[in-house]
Amino acid sequence: MQTELATLGNGCFWCTEAIFSKLKGVLSVVSGYAGGNNPNPDYKSVCSGNTGHAECLQIEFDADLISFEQLLYLFFDTHDPTTLNRQGNDVGTQYRSVVFYRNEEQHTIAKQVIATLEASKKFPHPIVTTLEPLVDFYPAEDYHQDYFALHGHEPYCQLVIRPKVEKFIHSYPEWLSDKP
């Protein structure tokens, strides 16, 4: 097993954690914050939009089963990478589309994936996803972890997260793990 980490931000981490935790080859998904200048940020400070941090996921994956490149294609397909600092009703730099690369190889792969997607005209507008070197990742508070799994009955989960998860399941059955 070749274990690697990816750190990706594509809006609300509750939504994206629910999707990435279902992938074959994904060993763990941690909701958290990266890209800002406040050490040890918390949800309240990040939501203020003043820390520079983005809500993101740290994804531990088995690169023998799923590559960083494939994770990126799924990342781009599970949010709108053409809206600057916004995903749906969530607005601010904390909701930006961002790849926090850990090394030059990840940086190069991310640039190539974006170039391929732009050339394919998959999206009607240019991709505005930023590529930023990862400096620090801060796990979010415990109540944010496994949010959809623990709170799936709540209205936000039913109205916002569930449709995204169901769309993903329908679009990518071959990438689903057999984890519950």
N, C-alpha and C. Protein backbone atom coordinates (compact mmCIF):
# COMPACT_ATOMS: atom_id res chain seq x y z
N MET A 1 0.84 -1.18 0.00
CA MET A 1 0.00 0.00 0.00
C MET A 1 0.89 1.24 0.00
N GLN A 2 0.57 2.15 -0.91
CA GLN A 2 1.31 3.42 -1.00
C GLN A 2 0.38 4.53 -0.51
N THR A 3 0.54 4.94 0.76
CA THR A 3 -0.34 5.93 1.36
C THR A 3 0.15 7.34 1.05
N GLU A 4 -0.79 8.18 0.60
CA GLU A 4 -0.50 9.58 0.31
C GLU A 4 -1.60 10.45 0.90
N LEU A 5 -1.34 11.77 0.92
CA LEU A 5 -2.31 12.73 1.41
C LEU A 5 -2.62 13.76 0.33
N ALA A 6 -3.87 14.17 0.27
CA ALA A 6 -4.30 15.26 -0.60
C ALA A 6 -5.09 16.23 0.28
N THR A 7 -4.94 17.52 0.03
CA THR A 7 -5.70 18.52 0.77
C THR A 7 -6.43 19.40 -0.23
N LEU A 8 -7.76 19.33 -0.21
CA LEU A 8 -8.58 19.97 -1.22
C LEU A 8 -9.70 20.77 -0.56
N GLY A 9 -9.98 21.94 -1.13
CA GLY A 9 -11.09 22.76 -0.65
C GLY A 9 -12.06 23.03 -1.78
N ASN A 10 -13.31 22.66 -1.57
CA ASN A 10 -14.32 22.93 -2.59
C ASN A 10 -15.66 23.27 -1.96
N GLY A 11 -15.61 24.22 -1.04
CA GLY A 11 -16.84 24.67 -0.39
C GLY A 11 -17.00 24.03 0.96
N CYS A 12 -18.22 23.84 1.34
CA CYS A 12 -18.57 23.30 2.65
C CYS A 12 -17.97 21.90 2.84
N PHE A 13 -17.19 21.74 3.88
CA PHE A 13 -16.56 20.43 4.07
C PHE A 13 -17.54 19.35 4.48
N TRP A 14 -18.69 19.71 4.98
CA TRP A 14 -19.70 18.69 5.30
C TRP A 14 -20.12 17.95 4.04
N CYS A 15 -20.31 18.71 2.96
CA CYS A 15 -20.75 18.10 1.69
C CYS A 15 -19.66 17.24 1.08
N THR A 16 -18.46 17.76 1.05
CA THR A 16 -17.39 17.06 0.34
C THR A 16 -16.87 15.86 1.12
N GLU A 17 -16.87 15.94 2.44
CA GLU A 17 -16.45 14.79 3.24
C GLU A 17 -17.37 13.60 2.97
N ALA A 18 -18.66 13.87 2.85
CA ALA A 18 -19.63 12.80 2.62
C ALA A 18 -19.37 12.08 1.30
N ILE A 19 -18.86 12.81 0.31
CA ILE A 19 -18.57 12.22 -0.99
C ILE A 19 -17.23 11.48 -0.98
N PHE A 20 -16.17 12.14 -0.55
CA PHE A 20 -14.85 11.53 -0.63
C PHE A 20 -14.68 10.34 0.30
N SER A 21 -15.44 10.29 1.36
CA SER A 21 -15.33 9.14 2.27
C SER A 21 -15.90 7.87 1.64
N LYS A 22 -16.63 8.00 0.53
CA LYS A 22 -17.23 6.84 -0.14
C LYS A 22 -16.34 6.24 -1.24
N LEU A 23 -15.19 6.83 -1.49
CA LEU A 23 -14.35 6.40 -2.61
C LEU A 23 -13.49 5.18 -2.30
N LYS A 24 -13.37 4.31 -3.30
CA LYS A 24 -12.40 3.21 -3.22
C LYS A 24 -11.02 3.82 -3.05
N GLY A 25 -10.25 3.24 -2.18
CA GLY A 25 -8.87 3.69 -2.00
C GLY A 25 -8.70 4.82 -1.00
N VAL A 26 -9.81 5.45 -0.58
CA VAL A 26 -9.71 6.50 0.44
C VAL A 26 -9.73 5.84 1.81
N LEU A 27 -8.69 6.12 2.57
CA LEU A 27 -8.53 5.50 3.88
C LEU A 27 -9.15 6.34 4.99
N SER A 28 -9.04 7.68 4.86
CA SER A 28 -9.66 8.57 5.85
C SER A 28 -9.86 9.94 5.23
N VAL A 29 -10.84 10.64 5.77
CA VAL A 29 -11.14 12.01 5.36
C VAL A 29 -11.32 12.83 6.62
N VAL A 30 -10.56 13.92 6.73
CA VAL A 30 -10.65 14.80 7.89
C VAL A 30 -11.04 16.19 7.41
N SER A 31 -12.12 16.73 7.96
CA SER A 31 -12.49 18.11 7.67
C SER A 31 -11.59 19.04 8.44
N GLY A 32 -11.21 20.15 7.81
CA GLY A 32 -10.34 21.09 8.50
C GLY A 32 -10.17 22.39 7.75
N TYR A 33 -9.06 23.07 8.08
CA TYR A 33 -8.79 24.40 7.56
C TYR A 33 -7.33 24.47 7.10
N ALA A 34 -7.12 25.22 6.03
CA ALA A 34 -5.75 25.45 5.53
C ALA A 34 -5.74 26.74 4.72
N GLY A 35 -4.55 27.24 4.50
CA GLY A 35 -4.37 28.37 3.60
C GLY A 35 -4.44 29.74 4.23
N GLY A 36 -4.54 29.82 5.55
CA GLY A 36 -4.66 31.12 6.20
C GLY A 36 -3.45 31.48 7.01
N ASN A 37 -3.61 32.56 7.75
CA ASN A 37 -2.48 33.06 8.54
C ASN A 37 -2.71 32.98 10.04
N ASN A 38 -3.83 32.44 10.48
CA ASN A 38 -4.10 32.28 11.91
C ASN A 38 -3.69 30.88 12.35
N PRO A 39 -2.80 30.78 13.31
CA PRO A 39 -2.50 29.44 13.83
C PRO A 39 -3.68 28.93 14.65
N ASN A 40 -3.97 27.65 14.51
CA ASN A 40 -5.04 26.98 15.25
C ASN A 40 -6.40 27.67 15.08
N PRO A 41 -6.87 27.80 13.84
CA PRO A 41 -8.16 28.43 13.62
C PRO A 41 -9.30 27.55 14.12
N ASP A 42 -10.43 28.18 14.35
CA ASP A 42 -11.64 27.43 14.70
C ASP A 42 -12.74 27.84 13.72
N TYR A 43 -13.85 27.11 13.77
CA TYR A 43 -14.92 27.30 12.81
C TYR A 43 -15.43 28.75 12.80
N LYS A 44 -15.63 29.30 13.96
CA LYS A 44 -16.16 30.67 14.06
C LYS A 44 -15.22 31.66 13.40
N SER A 45 -13.93 31.56 13.66
CA SER A 45 -12.99 32.51 13.07
C SER A 45 -12.87 32.31 11.56
N VAL A 46 -12.89 31.08 11.09
CA VAL A 46 -12.81 30.82 9.66
C VAL A 46 -14.06 31.34 8.96
N CYS A 47 -15.23 31.12 9.56
CA CYS A 47 -16.48 31.61 8.96
C CYS A 47 -16.54 33.13 8.87
N SER A 48 -15.77 33.82 9.69
CA SER A 48 -15.75 35.28 9.62
C SER A 48 -15.14 35.78 8.31
N GLY A 49 -14.35 34.91 7.66
CA GLY A 49 -13.71 35.29 6.42
C GLY A 49 -12.44 36.10 6.61
N ASN A 50 -12.01 36.26 7.85
CA ASN A 50 -10.85 37.12 8.13
C ASN A 50 -9.55 36.37 8.36
N THR A 51 -9.57 35.05 8.34
CA THR A 51 -8.36 34.29 8.65
C THR A 51 -7.56 33.90 7.41
N GLY A 52 -8.19 33.92 6.25
CA GLY A 52 -7.54 33.45 5.02
C GLY A 52 -7.63 31.95 4.84
N HIS A 53 -8.13 31.24 5.85
CA HIS A 53 -8.26 29.79 5.75
C HIS A 53 -9.45 29.41 4.88
N ALA A 54 -9.35 28.25 4.26
CA ALA A 54 -10.46 27.66 3.51
C ALA A 54 -10.92 26.40 4.23
N GLU A 55 -12.22 26.14 4.19
CA GLU A 55 -12.72 24.85 4.63
C GLU A 55 -12.19 23.83 3.63
N CYS A 56 -11.60 22.77 4.11
CA CYS A 56 -11.01 21.79 3.19
C CYS A 56 -11.02 20.41 3.82
N LEU A 57 -10.56 19.46 3.04
CA LEU A 57 -10.44 18.08 3.48
C LEU A 57 -9.00 17.63 3.37
N GLN A 58 -8.57 16.87 4.33
CA GLN A 58 -7.31 16.14 4.21
C GLN A 58 -7.70 14.69 3.95
N ILE A 59 -7.32 14.21 2.78
CA ILE A 59 -7.73 12.89 2.33
C ILE A 59 -6.50 11.98 2.32
N GLU A 60 -6.57 10.93 3.12
CA GLU A 60 -5.51 9.91 3.09
C GLU A 60 -5.99 8.82 2.15
N PHE A 61 -5.14 8.48 1.17
CA PHE A 61 -5.57 7.51 0.17
C PHE A 61 -4.45 6.55 -0.19
N ASP A 62 -4.88 5.41 -0.69
CA ASP A 62 -3.95 4.38 -1.17
C ASP A 62 -3.73 4.65 -2.65
N ALA A 63 -2.55 5.16 -2.99
CA ALA A 63 -2.24 5.53 -4.37
C ALA A 63 -2.18 4.33 -5.31
N ASP A 64 -2.15 3.13 -4.75
CA ASP A 64 -2.22 1.93 -5.60
C ASP A 64 -3.65 1.69 -6.08
N LEU A 65 -4.64 2.28 -5.40
CA LEU A 65 -6.04 2.08 -5.75
C LEU A 65 -6.68 3.30 -6.41
N ILE A 66 -6.24 4.48 -6.04
CA ILE A 66 -6.74 5.72 -6.63
C ILE A 66 -5.59 6.73 -6.65
N SER A 67 -5.39 7.36 -7.77
CA SER A 67 -4.27 8.30 -7.90
C SER A 67 -4.68 9.70 -7.48
N PHE A 68 -3.69 10.53 -7.23
CA PHE A 68 -3.95 11.94 -6.94
C PHE A 68 -4.67 12.58 -8.13
N GLU A 69 -4.27 12.22 -9.33
CA GLU A 69 -4.91 12.75 -10.53
C GLU A 69 -6.39 12.39 -10.56
N GLN A 70 -6.73 11.14 -10.28
CA GLN A 70 -8.14 10.73 -10.28
C GLN A 70 -8.91 11.44 -9.18
N LEU A 71 -8.30 11.61 -8.01
CA LEU A 71 -8.96 12.38 -6.95
C LEU A 71 -9.29 13.78 -7.44
N LEU A 72 -8.36 14.39 -8.19
CA LEU A 72 -8.59 15.74 -8.69
C LEU A 72 -9.75 15.78 -9.70
N TYR A 73 -9.82 14.80 -10.59
CA TYR A 73 -10.94 14.79 -11.54
C TYR A 73 -12.27 14.67 -10.79
N LEU A 74 -12.32 13.85 -9.76
CA LEU A 74 -13.54 13.73 -8.96
C LEU A 74 -13.80 15.01 -8.17
N PHE A 75 -12.76 15.62 -7.65
CA PHE A 75 -12.86 16.91 -6.96
C PHE A 75 -13.49 17.96 -7.87
N PHE A 76 -12.99 18.08 -9.09
CA PHE A 76 -13.53 19.09 -10.00
C PHE A 76 -14.97 18.78 -10.42
N ASP A 77 -15.34 17.52 -10.41
CA ASP A 77 -16.68 17.14 -10.83
C ASP A 77 -17.71 17.22 -9.71
N THR A 78 -17.26 17.47 -8.48
CA THR A 78 -18.19 17.49 -7.35
C THR A 78 -18.42 18.89 -6.80
N HIS A 79 -17.98 19.90 -7.55
CA HIS A 79 -18.28 21.28 -7.16
C HIS A 79 -18.15 22.16 -8.40
N ASP A 80 -18.43 23.44 -8.25
CA ASP A 80 -18.30 24.38 -9.36
C ASP A 80 -16.98 25.13 -9.22
N PRO A 81 -15.96 24.72 -9.99
CA PRO A 81 -14.65 25.37 -9.87
C PRO A 81 -14.55 26.68 -10.65
N THR A 82 -15.69 27.16 -11.15
CA THR A 82 -15.68 28.39 -11.96
C THR A 82 -16.24 29.59 -11.20
N THR A 83 -16.66 29.39 -9.95
CA THR A 83 -17.18 30.51 -9.16
C THR A 83 -16.15 30.91 -8.13
N LEU A 84 -15.77 32.16 -8.15
CA LEU A 84 -14.73 32.66 -7.26
C LEU A 84 -15.28 32.84 -5.84
N ASN A 85 -14.65 32.17 -4.91
CA ASN A 85 -14.97 32.33 -3.48
C ASN A 85 -16.45 32.08 -3.19
N ARG A 86 -16.98 31.06 -3.82
CA ARG A 86 -18.40 30.77 -3.63
C ARG A 86 -18.71 29.33 -4.03
N GLN A 87 -19.57 28.70 -3.24
CA GLN A 87 -20.19 27.43 -3.61
C GLN A 87 -21.64 27.52 -3.15
N GLY A 88 -22.55 27.63 -4.10
CA GLY A 88 -23.96 27.77 -3.76
C GLY A 88 -24.20 29.02 -2.95
N ASN A 89 -24.84 28.86 -1.78
CA ASN A 89 -25.12 30.00 -0.91
C ASN A 89 -23.96 30.35 0.00
N ASP A 90 -22.90 29.54 -0.01
CA ASP A 90 -21.73 29.82 0.83
C ASP A 90 -20.80 30.76 0.07
N VAL A 91 -20.57 31.95 0.63
CA VAL A 91 -19.78 32.97 -0.05
C VAL A 91 -18.64 33.42 0.86
N GLY A 92 -17.46 33.57 0.29
CA GLY A 92 -16.29 34.06 1.01
C GLY A 92 -15.07 33.23 0.65
N THR A 93 -13.90 33.76 0.94
CA THR A 93 -12.66 33.06 0.61
C THR A 93 -12.56 31.72 1.33
N GLN A 94 -13.27 31.56 2.43
CA GLN A 94 -13.24 30.29 3.17
C GLN A 94 -13.92 29.17 2.38
N TYR A 95 -14.65 29.52 1.31
CA TYR A 95 -15.32 28.53 0.47
C TYR A 95 -14.69 28.44 -0.92
N ARG A 96 -13.47 28.96 -1.06
CA ARG A 96 -12.83 28.96 -2.37
C ARG A 96 -12.51 27.55 -2.84
N SER A 97 -12.43 27.42 -4.15
CA SER A 97 -11.98 26.17 -4.75
C SER A 97 -10.46 26.21 -4.77
N VAL A 98 -9.84 25.23 -4.11
CA VAL A 98 -8.38 25.28 -3.94
C VAL A 98 -7.79 23.88 -3.83
N VAL A 99 -6.65 23.72 -4.46
CA VAL A 99 -5.82 22.52 -4.27
C VAL A 99 -4.61 22.97 -3.48
N PHE A 100 -4.46 22.43 -2.28
CA PHE A 100 -3.27 22.70 -1.47
C PHE A 100 -2.26 21.60 -1.78
N TYR A 101 -1.32 21.92 -2.63
CA TYR A 101 -0.37 20.88 -3.04
C TYR A 101 0.73 20.72 -1.99
N ARG A 102 1.18 19.48 -1.85
CA ARG A 102 2.17 19.10 -0.84
C ARG A 102 3.59 19.01 -1.37
N ASN A 103 3.70 18.96 -2.70
CA ASN A 103 5.02 18.86 -3.32
C ASN A 103 4.89 19.28 -4.79
N GLU A 104 6.00 19.35 -5.48
CA GLU A 104 5.97 19.79 -6.88
C GLU A 104 5.24 18.81 -7.78
N GLU A 105 5.30 17.52 -7.45
CA GLU A 105 4.58 16.54 -8.26
C GLU A 105 3.07 16.81 -8.20
N GLN A 106 2.53 17.04 -7.01
CA GLN A 106 1.10 17.37 -6.90
C GLN A 106 0.78 18.68 -7.62
N HIS A 107 1.68 19.65 -7.51
CA HIS A 107 1.47 20.94 -8.19
C HIS A 107 1.40 20.74 -9.70
N THR A 108 2.31 19.97 -10.24
CA THR A 108 2.35 19.71 -11.68
C THR A 108 1.10 18.96 -12.13
N ILE A 109 0.69 17.95 -11.38
CA ILE A 109 -0.50 17.17 -11.73
C ILE A 109 -1.72 18.08 -11.71
N ALA A 110 -1.85 18.92 -10.70
CA ALA A 110 -3.00 19.82 -10.60
C ALA A 110 -3.04 20.78 -11.79
N LYS A 111 -1.91 21.33 -12.18
CA LYS A 111 -1.87 22.22 -13.35
C LYS A 111 -2.29 21.47 -14.61
N GLN A 112 -1.81 20.23 -14.76
CA GLN A 112 -2.16 19.43 -15.94
C GLN A 112 -3.66 19.10 -15.99
N VAL A 113 -4.23 18.75 -14.84
CA VAL A 113 -5.66 18.43 -14.79
C VAL A 113 -6.49 19.66 -15.16
N ILE A 114 -6.12 20.81 -14.61
CA ILE A 114 -6.85 22.04 -14.95
C ILE A 114 -6.72 22.34 -16.44
N ALA A 115 -5.53 22.21 -16.99
CA ALA A 115 -5.32 22.48 -18.43
C ALA A 115 -6.17 21.52 -19.27
N THR A 116 -6.22 20.27 -18.89
CA THR A 116 -7.02 19.28 -19.62
C THR A 116 -8.50 19.63 -19.56
N LEU A 117 -8.98 19.99 -18.38
CA LEU A 117 -10.39 20.35 -18.23
C LEU A 117 -10.73 21.62 -19.01
N GLU A 118 -9.84 22.59 -18.98
CA GLU A 118 -10.07 23.84 -19.73
C GLU A 118 -10.12 23.54 -21.24
N ALA A 119 -9.19 22.73 -21.72
CA ALA A 119 -9.14 22.40 -23.15
C ALA A 119 -10.38 21.62 -23.59
N SER A 120 -10.94 20.83 -22.68
CA SER A 120 -12.13 20.03 -23.02
C SER A 120 -13.41 20.85 -23.01
N LYS A 121 -13.34 22.06 -22.47
CA LYS A 121 -14.52 22.93 -22.36
C LYS A 121 -15.63 22.28 -21.51
N LYS A 122 -15.21 21.48 -20.54
CA LYS A 122 -16.17 20.80 -19.65
C LYS A 122 -17.04 21.81 -18.91
N PHE A 123 -16.46 22.94 -18.56
CA PHE A 123 -17.19 23.96 -17.81
C PHE A 123 -17.45 25.17 -18.72
N PRO A 124 -18.61 25.82 -18.54
CA PRO A 124 -18.94 26.94 -19.41
C PRO A 124 -18.13 28.21 -19.14
N HIS A 125 -17.45 28.25 -18.00
CA HIS A 125 -16.65 29.41 -17.63
C HIS A 125 -15.25 28.93 -17.22
N PRO A 126 -14.27 29.82 -17.20
CA PRO A 126 -12.91 29.41 -16.81
C PRO A 126 -12.85 28.91 -15.37
N ILE A 127 -11.99 27.96 -15.14
CA ILE A 127 -11.73 27.42 -13.81
C ILE A 127 -10.96 28.47 -13.01
N VAL A 128 -11.43 28.76 -11.79
CA VAL A 128 -10.77 29.75 -10.93
C VAL A 128 -10.12 29.09 -9.70
N THR A 129 -10.05 27.79 -9.69
CA THR A 129 -9.44 27.05 -8.58
C THR A 129 -8.01 27.53 -8.40
N THR A 130 -7.65 27.84 -7.15
CA THR A 130 -6.29 28.26 -6.88
C THR A 130 -5.44 27.05 -6.52
N LEU A 131 -4.16 27.15 -6.82
CA LEU A 131 -3.18 26.13 -6.43
C LEU A 131 -2.26 26.81 -5.42
N GLU A 132 -2.29 26.31 -4.20
CA GLU A 132 -1.55 26.94 -3.11
C GLU A 132 -0.70 25.88 -2.40
N PRO A 133 0.54 26.23 -2.08
CA PRO A 133 1.34 25.26 -1.32
C PRO A 133 0.75 25.07 0.08
N LEU A 134 0.68 23.83 0.51
CA LEU A 134 0.16 23.56 1.86
C LEU A 134 1.23 23.92 2.88
N VAL A 135 0.88 24.80 3.78
CA VAL A 135 1.78 25.14 4.89
C VAL A 135 1.38 24.35 6.12
N ASP A 136 0.13 24.49 6.51
CA ASP A 136 -0.40 23.77 7.67
C ASP A 136 -1.83 23.35 7.40
N PHE A 137 -2.20 22.22 7.95
CA PHE A 137 -3.58 21.76 7.95
C PHE A 137 -4.01 21.65 9.40
N TYR A 138 -5.18 22.22 9.70
CA TYR A 138 -5.72 22.18 11.06
C TYR A 138 -7.04 21.40 11.04
N PRO A 139 -7.11 20.28 11.71
CA PRO A 139 -8.39 19.56 11.76
C PRO A 139 -9.48 20.43 12.38
N ALA A 140 -10.68 20.34 11.82
CA ALA A 140 -11.82 21.06 12.38
C ALA A 140 -12.25 20.40 13.68
N GLU A 141 -13.07 21.09 14.39
CA GLU A 141 -13.59 20.59 15.66
C GLU A 141 -14.27 19.23 15.45
N ASP A 142 -14.30 18.44 16.49
CA ASP A 142 -14.84 17.07 16.41
C ASP A 142 -16.26 17.03 15.83
N TYR A 143 -17.09 18.00 16.16
CA TYR A 143 -18.48 17.93 15.71
C TYR A 143 -18.62 18.11 14.20
N HIS A 144 -17.56 18.52 13.50
CA HIS A 144 -17.59 18.63 12.04
C HIS A 144 -17.20 17.32 11.35
N GLN A 145 -16.57 16.41 12.06
CA GLN A 145 -16.09 15.17 11.46
C GLN A 145 -17.27 14.20 11.27
N ASP A 146 -17.28 13.53 10.11
CA ASP A 146 -18.35 12.56 9.80
C ASP A 146 -19.74 13.19 9.92
N TYR A 147 -19.84 14.46 9.56
CA TYR A 147 -21.07 15.22 9.80
C TYR A 147 -22.30 14.57 9.15
N PHE A 148 -22.21 14.27 7.88
CA PHE A 148 -23.37 13.70 7.19
C PHE A 148 -23.74 12.33 7.76
N ALA A 149 -22.75 11.52 8.06
CA ALA A 149 -23.02 10.19 8.61
C ALA A 149 -23.74 10.29 9.96
N LEU A 150 -23.40 11.31 10.73
CA LEU A 150 -23.98 11.46 12.07
C LEU A 150 -25.25 12.30 12.11
N HIS A 151 -25.44 13.16 11.10
CA HIS A 151 -26.56 14.11 11.13
C HIS A 151 -27.40 14.07 9.86
N GLY A 152 -27.37 12.95 9.15
CA GLY A 152 -28.05 12.85 7.87
C GLY A 152 -29.53 13.14 7.89
N HIS A 153 -30.14 13.06 9.04
CA HIS A 153 -31.58 13.31 9.17
C HIS A 153 -31.92 14.80 9.24
N GLU A 154 -30.94 15.65 9.50
CA GLU A 154 -31.19 17.09 9.66
C GLU A 154 -31.55 17.73 8.31
N PRO A 155 -32.34 18.80 8.33
CA PRO A 155 -32.78 19.43 7.08
C PRO A 155 -31.65 19.82 6.13
N TYR A 156 -30.58 20.42 6.63
CA TYR A 156 -29.48 20.82 5.74
C TYR A 156 -28.90 19.60 5.03
N CYS A 157 -28.74 18.54 5.76
CA CYS A 157 -28.19 17.30 5.18
C CYS A 157 -29.13 16.74 4.12
N GLN A 158 -30.42 16.76 4.40
CA GLN A 158 -31.40 16.22 3.46
C GLN A 158 -31.53 17.08 2.20
N LEU A 159 -31.49 18.40 2.37
CA LEU A 159 -31.73 19.31 1.25
C LEU A 159 -30.47 19.63 0.44
N VAL A 160 -29.32 19.65 1.08
CA VAL A 160 -28.10 20.08 0.39
C VAL A 160 -27.12 18.93 0.16
N ILE A 161 -26.81 18.19 1.20
CA ILE A 161 -25.76 17.17 1.09
C ILE A 161 -26.26 15.92 0.38
N ARG A 162 -27.43 15.40 0.78
CA ARG A 162 -27.92 14.15 0.21
C ARG A 162 -28.00 14.20 -1.32
N PRO A 163 -28.54 15.27 -1.96
CA PRO A 163 -28.57 15.29 -3.42
C PRO A 163 -27.18 15.22 -4.05
N LYS A 164 -26.19 15.85 -3.42
CA LYS A 164 -24.83 15.80 -3.96
C LYS A 164 -24.26 14.39 -3.86
N VAL A 165 -24.50 13.75 -2.74
CA VAL A 165 -24.02 12.38 -2.55
C VAL A 165 -24.71 11.44 -3.53
N GLU A 166 -26.03 11.58 -3.69
CA GLU A 166 -26.76 10.72 -4.62
C GLU A 166 -26.31 10.93 -6.06
N LYS A 167 -26.05 12.18 -6.44
CA LYS A 167 -25.54 12.46 -7.79
C LYS A 167 -24.20 11.77 -7.99
N PHE A 168 -23.34 11.86 -7.00
CA PHE A 168 -22.03 11.23 -7.08
C PHE A 168 -22.18 9.71 -7.22
N ILE A 169 -23.01 9.11 -6.39
CA ILE A 169 -23.21 7.66 -6.43
C ILE A 169 -23.72 7.23 -7.81
N HIS A 170 -24.65 7.99 -8.35
CA HIS A 170 -25.20 7.68 -9.67
C HIS A 170 -24.16 7.87 -10.78
N SER A 171 -23.34 8.91 -10.67
CA SER A 171 -22.36 9.23 -11.71
C SER A 171 -21.12 8.34 -11.69
N TYR A 172 -20.73 7.87 -10.51
CA TYR A 172 -19.47 7.15 -10.36
C TYR A 172 -19.59 5.85 -9.58
N PRO A 173 -20.48 4.96 -9.96
CA PRO A 173 -20.63 3.72 -9.18
C PRO A 173 -19.33 2.91 -9.15
N GLU A 174 -18.51 3.01 -10.20
CA GLU A 174 -17.27 2.25 -10.25
C GLU A 174 -16.24 2.72 -9.23
N TRP A 175 -16.41 3.93 -8.68
CA TRP A 175 -15.47 4.46 -7.70
C TRP A 175 -15.93 4.29 -6.27
N LEU A 176 -17.10 3.69 -6.07
CA LEU A 176 -17.62 3.52 -4.71
C LEU A 176 -16.91 2.38 -3.99
N SER A 177 -16.60 2.63 -2.75
CA SER A 177 -16.01 1.57 -1.93
C SER A 177 -17.15 0.72 -1.38
N ASP A 178 -16.77 -0.38 -0.78
CA ASP A 178 -17.79 -1.22 -0.14
C ASP A 178 -17.91 -0.91 1.34
N LYS A 179 -17.29 0.23 1.77
CA LYS A 179 -17.43 0.66 3.15
C LYS A 179 -18.87 1.12 3.38
N PRO A 180 -19.40 0.90 4.59
CA PRO A 180 -20.78 1.36 4.87
C PRO A 180 -20.89 2.87 4.85
